[in-house]
């Protein structure tokens, strides 16, 4: 993917890169024996075991276990490392390019559900603009989430709210959300 980005940056007159899906897929359902979760590839498991000097199979680590936070953090760092690699590539190749990303809205849980830590990327100056995926019919949810992001982001990057127009809610919902956000 980095080679493709480099080709785009060097061969085409683009204004920036938008990073979408910088996370693991959801959901995480730890109540099933089949482990309805992601990041259990053999190479990821081997890397985790080596880094934490453990023989514990992550398939046997559950929320509340001693290694659970480490297992989540390990998968988060995989995503964070890729974002850093993209940022480094842009900085070395075409430093004026804009880097934006689309992110989940629930900052309190995403680090242990989809292993996304956009606040780290923003604090490191790796992101110029963040778009939250505030796809909800609830006006209160969208407004509260926007206030949370604004307080976290401050003036470190531009911020845009993504409303769920593809959800085909009634028009009045979008109008009410936009008015409330203004």
N, C-alpha and C. Protein backbone atom coordinates (compact mmCIF):
# COMPACT_ATOMS: atom_id res chain seq x y z
N UNK A 1 0.84 -1.19 0.00
CA UNK A 1 0.00 0.00 0.00
C UNK A 1 0.88 1.25 0.00
N UNK A 2 1.96 1.22 0.77
CA UNK A 2 2.86 2.39 0.79
C UNK A 2 3.47 2.65 -0.58
N UNK A 3 3.80 1.59 -1.31
CA UNK A 3 4.33 1.77 -2.67
C UNK A 3 3.29 2.41 -3.58
N UNK A 4 2.04 2.02 -3.43
CA UNK A 4 0.96 2.62 -4.22
C UNK A 4 0.81 4.10 -3.86
N UNK A 5 0.85 4.41 -2.56
CA UNK A 5 0.78 5.82 -2.14
C UNK A 5 1.94 6.62 -2.72
N UNK A 6 3.13 6.04 -2.70
CA UNK A 6 4.30 6.74 -3.23
C UNK A 6 4.13 7.01 -4.73
N UNK A 7 3.62 6.02 -5.44
CA UNK A 7 3.37 6.21 -6.87
C UNK A 7 2.35 7.32 -7.10
N UNK A 8 1.28 7.34 -6.32
CA UNK A 8 0.27 8.39 -6.46
C UNK A 8 0.88 9.77 -6.19
N UNK A 9 1.69 9.84 -5.15
CA UNK A 9 2.27 11.13 -4.75
C UNK A 9 3.26 11.63 -5.79
N UNK A 10 4.08 10.74 -6.34
CA UNK A 10 5.14 11.17 -7.26
C UNK A 10 4.68 11.31 -8.71
N UNK A 11 3.66 10.60 -9.12
CA UNK A 11 3.24 10.62 -10.52
C UNK A 11 2.02 11.49 -10.80
N UNK A 12 1.28 11.85 -9.76
CA UNK A 12 0.04 12.57 -9.99
C UNK A 12 -0.01 13.82 -9.13
N UNK A 13 -0.73 14.81 -9.64
CA UNK A 13 -0.89 16.07 -8.93
C UNK A 13 -2.09 15.94 -7.98
N UNK A 14 -1.82 15.40 -6.80
CA UNK A 14 -2.88 15.21 -5.82
C UNK A 14 -2.69 16.21 -4.68
N UNK A 15 -3.78 16.48 -3.99
CA UNK A 15 -3.73 17.42 -2.87
C UNK A 15 -3.48 16.73 -1.54
N UNK A 16 -3.75 15.42 -1.48
CA UNK A 16 -3.54 14.73 -0.22
C UNK A 16 -3.99 13.30 -0.27
N UNK A 17 -3.87 12.65 0.87
CA UNK A 17 -4.31 11.27 1.02
C UNK A 17 -5.37 11.22 2.12
N UNK A 18 -6.41 10.44 1.87
CA UNK A 18 -7.43 10.23 2.89
C UNK A 18 -7.34 8.79 3.37
N UNK A 19 -7.10 8.62 4.65
CA UNK A 19 -6.97 7.29 5.23
C UNK A 19 -8.33 6.86 5.78
N UNK A 20 -8.90 5.88 5.13
CA UNK A 20 -10.18 5.36 5.58
C UNK A 20 -9.96 3.94 6.07
N UNK A 21 -10.72 3.53 7.04
CA UNK A 21 -10.65 2.18 7.60
C UNK A 21 -9.29 1.92 8.26
N UNK A 22 -8.78 2.90 8.96
CA UNK A 22 -7.54 2.74 9.72
C UNK A 22 -7.88 2.13 11.07
N UNK A 23 -8.27 0.88 11.01
CA UNK A 23 -8.76 0.19 12.20
C UNK A 23 -8.96 -1.27 11.85
N UNK A 24 -9.29 -2.04 12.86
CA UNK A 24 -9.73 -3.41 12.64
C UNK A 24 -11.24 -3.38 12.43
N UNK A 25 -11.77 -4.39 11.75
CA UNK A 25 -13.22 -4.45 11.60
C UNK A 25 -13.90 -4.69 12.94
N UNK A 26 -15.13 -4.32 13.04
CA UNK A 26 -15.92 -4.64 14.21
C UNK A 26 -16.86 -5.75 13.80
N UNK A 27 -17.46 -6.51 14.62
CA UNK A 27 -17.59 -6.38 16.07
C UNK A 27 -16.61 -7.29 16.80
N UNK A 28 -16.59 -7.14 18.09
CA UNK A 28 -15.86 -8.04 18.97
C UNK A 28 -16.90 -8.73 19.83
N UNK A 29 -17.04 -10.00 19.65
CA UNK A 29 -18.01 -10.77 20.44
C UNK A 29 -17.26 -11.86 21.17
N UNK A 30 -16.95 -11.62 22.42
CA UNK A 30 -16.14 -12.56 23.18
C UNK A 30 -16.98 -13.64 23.85
N UNK A 31 -18.27 -13.66 23.58
CA UNK A 31 -19.12 -14.66 24.22
C UNK A 31 -19.19 -15.94 23.40
N UNK A 32 -18.64 -15.92 22.19
CA UNK A 32 -18.71 -17.11 21.35
C UNK A 32 -17.38 -17.84 21.38
N UNK A 33 -17.45 -19.13 21.20
CA UNK A 33 -16.22 -19.91 21.21
C UNK A 33 -15.41 -19.69 19.94
N UNK A 34 -16.04 -19.20 18.89
CA UNK A 34 -15.33 -19.00 17.63
C UNK A 34 -14.54 -17.70 17.58
N UNK A 35 -14.67 -16.87 18.63
CA UNK A 35 -13.94 -15.61 18.71
C UNK A 35 -14.26 -14.71 17.51
N UNK A 36 -15.35 -14.06 17.58
CA UNK A 36 -15.80 -13.15 16.54
C UNK A 36 -15.00 -11.85 16.66
N UNK A 37 -13.72 -11.92 16.34
CA UNK A 37 -12.83 -10.78 16.49
C UNK A 37 -11.75 -10.87 15.42
N UNK A 38 -10.91 -9.83 15.34
CA UNK A 38 -9.90 -9.76 14.30
C UNK A 38 -8.53 -9.55 14.91
N UNK A 39 -7.51 -9.83 14.12
CA UNK A 39 -6.14 -9.64 14.57
C UNK A 39 -5.53 -10.92 15.11
N UNK A 40 -6.14 -12.04 14.81
CA UNK A 40 -5.62 -13.32 15.30
C UNK A 40 -4.86 -14.06 14.21
N UNK A 41 -4.21 -13.32 13.32
CA UNK A 41 -3.39 -13.92 12.29
C UNK A 41 -2.16 -14.54 12.95
N UNK A 42 -1.62 -15.58 12.33
CA UNK A 42 -0.45 -16.25 12.91
C UNK A 42 0.71 -15.30 13.14
N UNK A 43 0.97 -14.39 12.17
CA UNK A 43 2.10 -13.47 12.33
C UNK A 43 1.86 -12.46 13.46
N UNK A 44 0.63 -12.03 13.63
CA UNK A 44 0.31 -11.10 14.71
C UNK A 44 0.45 -11.80 16.07
N UNK A 45 -0.04 -13.01 16.15
CA UNK A 45 0.09 -13.77 17.39
C UNK A 45 1.56 -14.01 17.72
N UNK A 46 2.35 -14.40 16.73
CA UNK A 46 3.78 -14.64 16.96
C UNK A 46 4.49 -13.36 17.41
N UNK A 47 4.16 -12.25 16.79
CA UNK A 47 4.76 -10.98 17.18
C UNK A 47 4.40 -10.59 18.60
N UNK A 48 3.14 -10.80 18.96
CA UNK A 48 2.69 -10.49 20.32
C UNK A 48 3.43 -11.35 21.34
N UNK A 49 3.50 -12.66 21.08
CA UNK A 49 4.17 -13.57 22.01
C UNK A 49 5.63 -13.18 22.19
N UNK A 50 6.29 -12.81 21.09
CA UNK A 50 7.71 -12.43 21.17
C UNK A 50 7.87 -11.13 21.95
N UNK A 51 7.04 -10.13 21.64
CA UNK A 51 7.18 -8.83 22.29
C UNK A 51 6.90 -8.90 23.79
N UNK A 52 5.93 -9.70 24.18
CA UNK A 52 5.56 -9.78 25.59
C UNK A 52 6.15 -11.01 26.29
N UNK A 53 7.02 -11.72 25.57
CA UNK A 53 7.72 -12.87 26.13
C UNK A 53 6.74 -13.81 26.86
N UNK A 54 5.75 -14.24 26.10
CA UNK A 54 4.71 -15.10 26.67
C UNK A 54 4.40 -16.24 25.71
N UNK A 55 3.94 -17.33 26.26
CA UNK A 55 3.45 -18.45 25.46
C UNK A 55 1.94 -18.49 25.43
N UNK A 56 1.30 -17.52 26.07
CA UNK A 56 -0.16 -17.48 26.13
C UNK A 56 -0.71 -17.20 24.74
N UNK A 57 -1.61 -18.03 24.29
CA UNK A 57 -2.26 -17.84 23.00
C UNK A 57 -3.33 -16.76 23.16
N UNK A 58 -3.26 -15.68 22.36
CA UNK A 58 -4.27 -14.62 22.47
C UNK A 58 -5.71 -15.10 22.31
N UNK A 59 -5.91 -16.27 21.68
CA UNK A 59 -7.26 -16.83 21.61
C UNK A 59 -7.81 -17.10 23.01
N UNK A 60 -6.91 -17.23 23.97
CA UNK A 60 -7.32 -17.52 25.35
C UNK A 60 -7.22 -16.32 26.27
N UNK A 61 -7.10 -15.13 25.70
CA UNK A 61 -7.07 -13.90 26.49
C UNK A 61 -8.41 -13.20 26.31
N UNK A 62 -9.04 -12.84 27.41
CA UNK A 62 -10.36 -12.22 27.37
C UNK A 62 -10.34 -10.91 28.16
N UNK A 63 -11.31 -10.02 27.91
CA UNK A 63 -11.39 -8.79 28.71
C UNK A 63 -11.34 -9.11 30.20
N UNK A 64 -10.47 -8.39 30.91
CA UNK A 64 -10.30 -8.61 32.34
C UNK A 64 -9.09 -9.46 32.66
N UNK A 65 -8.58 -10.23 31.70
CA UNK A 65 -7.38 -11.03 31.92
C UNK A 65 -6.15 -10.14 32.03
N UNK A 66 -5.11 -10.66 32.65
CA UNK A 66 -3.87 -9.92 32.89
C UNK A 66 -3.28 -9.36 31.58
N UNK A 67 -3.29 -10.12 30.50
CA UNK A 67 -2.66 -9.70 29.25
C UNK A 67 -3.62 -8.97 28.29
N UNK A 68 -4.88 -8.80 28.69
CA UNK A 68 -5.88 -8.24 27.77
C UNK A 68 -5.46 -6.86 27.26
N UNK A 69 -5.10 -5.95 28.15
CA UNK A 69 -4.73 -4.60 27.71
C UNK A 69 -3.51 -4.63 26.80
N UNK A 70 -2.55 -5.51 27.09
CA UNK A 70 -1.36 -5.63 26.23
C UNK A 70 -1.74 -6.14 24.84
N UNK A 71 -2.64 -7.10 24.79
CA UNK A 71 -3.09 -7.66 23.53
C UNK A 71 -3.81 -6.59 22.69
N UNK A 72 -4.62 -5.79 23.33
CA UNK A 72 -5.31 -4.70 22.62
C UNK A 72 -4.30 -3.65 22.15
N UNK A 73 -3.39 -3.27 23.03
CA UNK A 73 -2.39 -2.27 22.69
C UNK A 73 -1.50 -2.74 21.54
N UNK A 74 -1.16 -4.01 21.52
CA UNK A 74 -0.34 -4.55 20.45
C UNK A 74 -1.03 -4.38 19.10
N UNK A 75 -2.31 -4.70 19.04
CA UNK A 75 -3.04 -4.55 17.78
C UNK A 75 -3.22 -3.07 17.43
N UNK A 76 -3.41 -2.23 18.44
CA UNK A 76 -3.50 -0.79 18.17
C UNK A 76 -2.20 -0.27 17.56
N UNK A 77 -1.08 -0.73 18.08
CA UNK A 77 0.21 -0.26 17.57
C UNK A 77 0.44 -0.65 16.12
N UNK A 78 -0.14 -1.74 15.68
CA UNK A 78 -0.03 -2.12 14.26
C UNK A 78 -0.66 -1.02 13.40
N UNK A 79 -1.83 -0.57 13.80
CA UNK A 79 -2.51 0.50 13.06
C UNK A 79 -1.71 1.80 13.18
N UNK A 80 -1.31 2.14 14.39
CA UNK A 80 -0.55 3.38 14.61
C UNK A 80 0.74 3.41 13.79
N UNK A 81 1.41 2.27 13.72
CA UNK A 81 2.66 2.18 12.95
C UNK A 81 2.40 2.45 11.48
N UNK A 82 1.31 1.92 10.95
CA UNK A 82 1.00 2.17 9.54
C UNK A 82 0.72 3.65 9.29
N UNK A 83 -0.03 4.28 10.16
CA UNK A 83 -0.31 5.71 10.02
C UNK A 83 1.01 6.50 10.05
N UNK A 84 1.91 6.13 10.93
CA UNK A 84 3.23 6.78 11.01
C UNK A 84 4.00 6.57 9.72
N UNK A 85 3.95 5.37 9.16
CA UNK A 85 4.64 5.10 7.90
C UNK A 85 4.08 5.95 6.76
N UNK A 86 2.77 6.11 6.73
CA UNK A 86 2.15 6.97 5.71
C UNK A 86 2.61 8.41 5.92
N UNK A 87 2.56 8.88 7.15
CA UNK A 87 3.00 10.25 7.46
C UNK A 87 4.45 10.45 7.06
N UNK A 88 5.33 9.51 7.40
CA UNK A 88 6.74 9.62 7.04
C UNK A 88 6.93 9.66 5.53
N UNK A 89 6.20 8.82 4.83
CA UNK A 89 6.28 8.81 3.36
C UNK A 89 5.88 10.16 2.79
N UNK A 90 4.77 10.69 3.24
CA UNK A 90 4.31 12.00 2.75
C UNK A 90 5.32 13.08 3.11
N UNK A 91 5.82 13.06 4.32
CA UNK A 91 6.79 14.08 4.77
C UNK A 91 8.06 14.05 3.93
N UNK A 92 8.52 12.85 3.56
CA UNK A 92 9.75 12.71 2.79
C UNK A 92 9.54 12.99 1.31
N UNK A 93 8.34 12.72 0.81
CA UNK A 93 8.09 12.79 -0.62
C UNK A 93 7.45 14.11 -1.06
N UNK A 94 6.42 14.52 -0.36
CA UNK A 94 5.66 15.72 -0.72
C UNK A 94 5.05 16.29 0.56
N UNK A 95 5.88 17.00 1.35
CA UNK A 95 5.43 17.41 2.69
C UNK A 95 4.22 18.35 2.73
N UNK A 96 3.85 18.95 1.61
CA UNK A 96 2.70 19.84 1.61
C UNK A 96 1.37 19.11 1.42
N UNK A 97 1.42 17.81 1.18
CA UNK A 97 0.18 17.05 1.00
C UNK A 97 -0.60 17.00 2.30
N UNK A 98 -1.90 17.00 2.16
CA UNK A 98 -2.84 16.95 3.27
C UNK A 98 -3.12 15.49 3.60
N UNK A 99 -3.11 15.14 4.87
CA UNK A 99 -3.50 13.79 5.29
C UNK A 99 -4.76 13.91 6.14
N UNK A 100 -5.79 13.23 5.69
CA UNK A 100 -7.04 13.21 6.45
C UNK A 100 -7.39 11.76 6.76
N UNK A 101 -8.32 11.59 7.69
CA UNK A 101 -8.75 10.24 8.03
C UNK A 101 -10.19 10.26 8.50
N UNK A 102 -10.86 9.13 8.31
CA UNK A 102 -12.20 8.92 8.81
C UNK A 102 -12.09 8.02 10.04
N UNK A 103 -12.77 8.41 11.12
CA UNK A 103 -12.61 7.66 12.36
C UNK A 103 -13.96 7.38 13.02
N UNK A 104 -13.96 6.35 13.85
CA UNK A 104 -15.13 6.04 14.66
C UNK A 104 -15.34 7.14 15.69
N UNK A 105 -16.54 7.22 16.18
CA UNK A 105 -16.90 8.33 17.05
C UNK A 105 -16.69 8.09 18.54
N UNK A 106 -16.68 6.86 18.98
CA UNK A 106 -16.66 6.59 20.41
C UNK A 106 -15.23 6.51 20.93
N UNK A 107 -14.67 7.64 21.30
CA UNK A 107 -13.28 7.69 21.74
C UNK A 107 -13.03 6.85 22.99
N UNK A 108 -14.05 6.61 23.79
CA UNK A 108 -13.85 5.89 25.04
C UNK A 108 -13.66 4.39 24.84
N UNK A 109 -14.08 3.84 23.72
CA UNK A 109 -13.99 2.39 23.56
C UNK A 109 -13.18 1.92 22.35
N UNK A 110 -12.93 2.76 21.39
CA UNK A 110 -12.35 2.28 20.13
C UNK A 110 -10.95 1.70 20.27
N UNK A 111 -10.22 2.11 21.28
CA UNK A 111 -8.87 1.57 21.44
C UNK A 111 -8.88 0.09 21.81
N UNK A 112 -9.99 -0.41 22.37
CA UNK A 112 -10.06 -1.83 22.73
C UNK A 112 -11.13 -2.58 21.96
N UNK A 113 -11.69 -1.96 20.94
CA UNK A 113 -12.68 -2.67 20.13
C UNK A 113 -12.23 -2.76 18.68
N UNK A 114 -11.80 -1.65 18.11
CA UNK A 114 -11.31 -1.66 16.72
C UNK A 114 -9.85 -1.21 16.66
N UNK A 115 -9.27 -0.93 17.83
CA UNK A 115 -7.84 -0.65 18.00
C UNK A 115 -7.40 0.58 17.21
N UNK A 116 -8.25 1.59 17.24
CA UNK A 116 -8.00 2.85 16.55
C UNK A 116 -7.71 3.93 17.59
N UNK A 117 -6.61 4.64 17.40
CA UNK A 117 -6.24 5.70 18.33
C UNK A 117 -5.93 6.98 17.56
N UNK A 118 -6.96 7.59 17.01
CA UNK A 118 -6.75 8.78 16.19
C UNK A 118 -6.22 9.96 17.00
N UNK A 119 -6.49 9.98 18.28
CA UNK A 119 -5.99 11.08 19.11
C UNK A 119 -4.47 11.04 19.15
N UNK A 120 -3.87 9.85 19.17
CA UNK A 120 -2.41 9.76 19.11
C UNK A 120 -1.90 10.33 17.80
N UNK A 121 -2.54 9.99 16.68
CA UNK A 121 -2.10 10.49 15.38
C UNK A 121 -2.18 12.01 15.34
N UNK A 122 -3.27 12.53 15.88
CA UNK A 122 -3.47 13.98 15.89
C UNK A 122 -2.44 14.65 16.79
N UNK A 123 -2.22 14.11 17.98
CA UNK A 123 -1.24 14.69 18.90
C UNK A 123 0.17 14.66 18.34
N UNK A 124 0.48 13.69 17.50
CA UNK A 124 1.80 13.60 16.88
C UNK A 124 1.91 14.51 15.65
N UNK A 125 0.80 15.15 15.26
CA UNK A 125 0.82 16.02 14.09
C UNK A 125 0.80 15.27 12.77
N UNK A 126 0.33 14.03 12.78
CA UNK A 126 0.33 13.21 11.57
C UNK A 126 -0.93 13.40 10.73
N UNK A 127 -1.95 14.02 11.28
CA UNK A 127 -3.23 14.17 10.60
C UNK A 127 -3.58 15.65 10.49
N UNK A 128 -3.95 16.07 9.28
CA UNK A 128 -4.35 17.46 9.06
C UNK A 128 -5.84 17.67 9.27
N UNK A 129 -6.63 16.63 9.00
CA UNK A 129 -8.08 16.74 9.18
C UNK A 129 -8.66 15.38 9.54
N UNK A 130 -9.56 15.39 10.50
CA UNK A 130 -10.24 14.17 10.91
C UNK A 130 -11.73 14.33 10.64
N UNK A 131 -12.31 13.28 10.09
CA UNK A 131 -13.75 13.21 9.84
C UNK A 131 -14.32 12.14 10.75
N UNK A 132 -15.23 12.51 11.62
CA UNK A 132 -15.87 11.48 12.43
C UNK A 132 -17.04 10.89 11.68
N UNK A 133 -17.23 9.62 11.86
CA UNK A 133 -18.33 8.90 11.21
C UNK A 133 -19.52 8.90 12.18
N UNK A 134 -20.14 10.05 12.30
CA UNK A 134 -21.26 10.24 13.24
C UNK A 134 -22.56 9.82 12.57
N UNK A 135 -22.64 8.57 12.22
CA UNK A 135 -23.77 8.05 11.46
C UNK A 135 -24.87 7.61 12.42
N UNK A 136 -25.72 8.53 12.77
CA UNK A 136 -26.79 8.25 13.71
C UNK A 136 -27.99 9.12 13.39
N UNK A 137 -29.16 8.62 13.72
CA UNK A 137 -30.36 9.44 13.56
C UNK A 137 -30.57 10.33 14.78
N UNK A 138 -29.77 10.14 15.81
CA UNK A 138 -29.91 10.92 17.04
C UNK A 138 -29.17 12.25 16.94
N UNK A 139 -29.89 13.33 17.10
CA UNK A 139 -29.26 14.65 17.10
C UNK A 139 -28.36 14.78 18.32
N UNK A 140 -28.84 14.36 19.48
CA UNK A 140 -28.05 14.46 20.71
C UNK A 140 -26.73 13.71 20.59
N UNK A 141 -26.78 12.52 20.04
CA UNK A 141 -25.56 11.72 19.89
C UNK A 141 -24.53 12.46 19.03
N UNK A 142 -24.97 12.96 17.89
CA UNK A 142 -24.06 13.65 16.97
C UNK A 142 -23.47 14.89 17.64
N UNK A 143 -24.28 15.67 18.33
CA UNK A 143 -23.81 16.89 18.99
C UNK A 143 -22.85 16.55 20.13
N UNK A 144 -23.22 15.59 20.98
CA UNK A 144 -22.35 15.21 22.10
C UNK A 144 -21.02 14.66 21.61
N UNK A 145 -21.07 13.85 20.56
CA UNK A 145 -19.84 13.31 20.01
C UNK A 145 -18.96 14.41 19.42
N UNK A 146 -19.58 15.35 18.74
CA UNK A 146 -18.84 16.47 18.18
C UNK A 146 -18.16 17.28 19.28
N UNK A 147 -18.87 17.54 20.35
CA UNK A 147 -18.28 18.27 21.48
C UNK A 147 -17.11 17.50 22.08
N UNK A 148 -17.22 16.19 22.18
CA UNK A 148 -16.13 15.36 22.69
C UNK A 148 -14.90 15.47 21.79
N UNK A 149 -15.11 15.35 20.49
CA UNK A 149 -13.98 15.45 19.57
C UNK A 149 -13.34 16.83 19.60
N UNK A 150 -14.16 17.86 19.63
CA UNK A 150 -13.61 19.22 19.67
C UNK A 150 -12.75 19.40 20.91
N UNK A 151 -13.20 18.88 22.05
CA UNK A 151 -12.41 19.03 23.27
C UNK A 151 -11.11 18.22 23.20
N UNK A 152 -11.12 17.10 22.52
CA UNK A 152 -9.91 16.27 22.39
C UNK A 152 -8.94 16.83 21.36
N UNK A 153 -9.47 17.33 20.27
CA UNK A 153 -8.63 17.79 19.15
C UNK A 153 -8.10 19.19 19.39
N UNK A 154 -8.92 20.03 20.02
CA UNK A 154 -8.56 21.42 20.24
C UNK A 154 -8.25 22.04 18.88
N UNK A 155 -7.08 22.63 18.72
CA UNK A 155 -6.75 23.25 17.43
C UNK A 155 -5.61 22.50 16.74
N UNK A 156 -5.46 21.22 17.04
CA UNK A 156 -4.35 20.43 16.50
C UNK A 156 -4.55 20.01 15.04
N UNK A 157 -5.80 19.99 14.59
CA UNK A 157 -6.09 19.68 13.19
C UNK A 157 -7.49 20.18 12.88
N UNK A 158 -7.83 20.14 11.61
CA UNK A 158 -9.19 20.48 11.22
C UNK A 158 -10.10 19.31 11.58
N UNK A 159 -11.35 19.62 11.81
CA UNK A 159 -12.30 18.60 12.21
C UNK A 159 -13.59 18.77 11.41
N UNK A 160 -14.07 17.66 10.88
CA UNK A 160 -15.34 17.66 10.15
C UNK A 160 -16.21 16.52 10.67
N UNK A 161 -17.49 16.79 10.74
CA UNK A 161 -18.45 15.78 11.19
C UNK A 161 -19.02 15.11 9.96
N UNK A 162 -18.92 13.80 9.92
CA UNK A 162 -19.54 13.04 8.84
C UNK A 162 -20.90 12.55 9.28
N UNK A 163 -21.93 13.03 8.61
CA UNK A 163 -23.29 12.57 8.92
C UNK A 163 -23.64 11.40 8.03
N UNK A 164 -24.56 10.58 8.44
CA UNK A 164 -24.90 9.34 7.73
C UNK A 164 -25.89 9.53 6.61
N UNK A 165 -25.59 10.39 5.66
CA UNK A 165 -26.53 10.67 4.57
C UNK A 165 -26.89 9.41 3.78
N UNK A 166 -25.99 8.45 3.72
CA UNK A 166 -26.27 7.21 3.01
C UNK A 166 -27.25 6.32 3.76
N UNK A 167 -27.54 6.67 5.01
CA UNK A 167 -28.45 5.88 5.83
C UNK A 167 -29.92 6.08 5.43
N UNK A 168 -30.20 7.11 4.66
CA UNK A 168 -31.54 7.41 4.19
C UNK A 168 -32.53 7.67 5.32
N UNK A 169 -32.05 8.43 6.32
CA UNK A 169 -32.97 8.90 7.37
C UNK A 169 -33.87 9.97 6.75
N UNK A 170 -34.92 10.31 7.47
CA UNK A 170 -35.78 11.40 6.99
C UNK A 170 -34.96 12.68 6.92
N UNK A 171 -35.27 13.49 5.93
CA UNK A 171 -34.52 14.73 5.69
C UNK A 171 -34.46 15.63 6.92
N UNK A 172 -35.53 15.69 7.67
CA UNK A 172 -35.56 16.59 8.83
C UNK A 172 -34.47 16.23 9.85
N UNK A 173 -34.07 14.95 9.90
CA UNK A 173 -33.02 14.54 10.83
C UNK A 173 -31.70 15.22 10.47
N UNK A 174 -31.36 15.19 9.18
CA UNK A 174 -30.11 15.82 8.75
C UNK A 174 -30.14 17.33 8.96
N UNK A 175 -31.27 17.93 8.61
CA UNK A 175 -31.41 19.38 8.80
C UNK A 175 -31.27 19.73 10.28
N UNK A 176 -31.92 18.98 11.14
CA UNK A 176 -31.84 19.22 12.58
C UNK A 176 -30.42 19.01 13.10
N UNK A 177 -29.73 17.97 12.61
CA UNK A 177 -28.34 17.74 13.02
C UNK A 177 -27.44 18.89 12.60
N UNK A 178 -27.56 19.33 11.36
CA UNK A 178 -26.72 20.43 10.88
C UNK A 178 -26.99 21.69 11.67
N UNK A 179 -28.27 22.00 11.91
CA UNK A 179 -28.61 23.19 12.70
C UNK A 179 -28.04 23.10 14.11
N UNK A 180 -28.14 21.94 14.73
CA UNK A 180 -27.61 21.75 16.08
C UNK A 180 -26.09 21.86 16.10
N UNK A 181 -25.44 21.36 15.08
CA UNK A 181 -23.98 21.44 15.03
C UNK A 181 -23.49 22.87 14.81
N UNK A 182 -24.24 23.63 14.05
CA UNK A 182 -23.86 25.04 13.84
C UNK A 182 -23.95 25.79 15.15
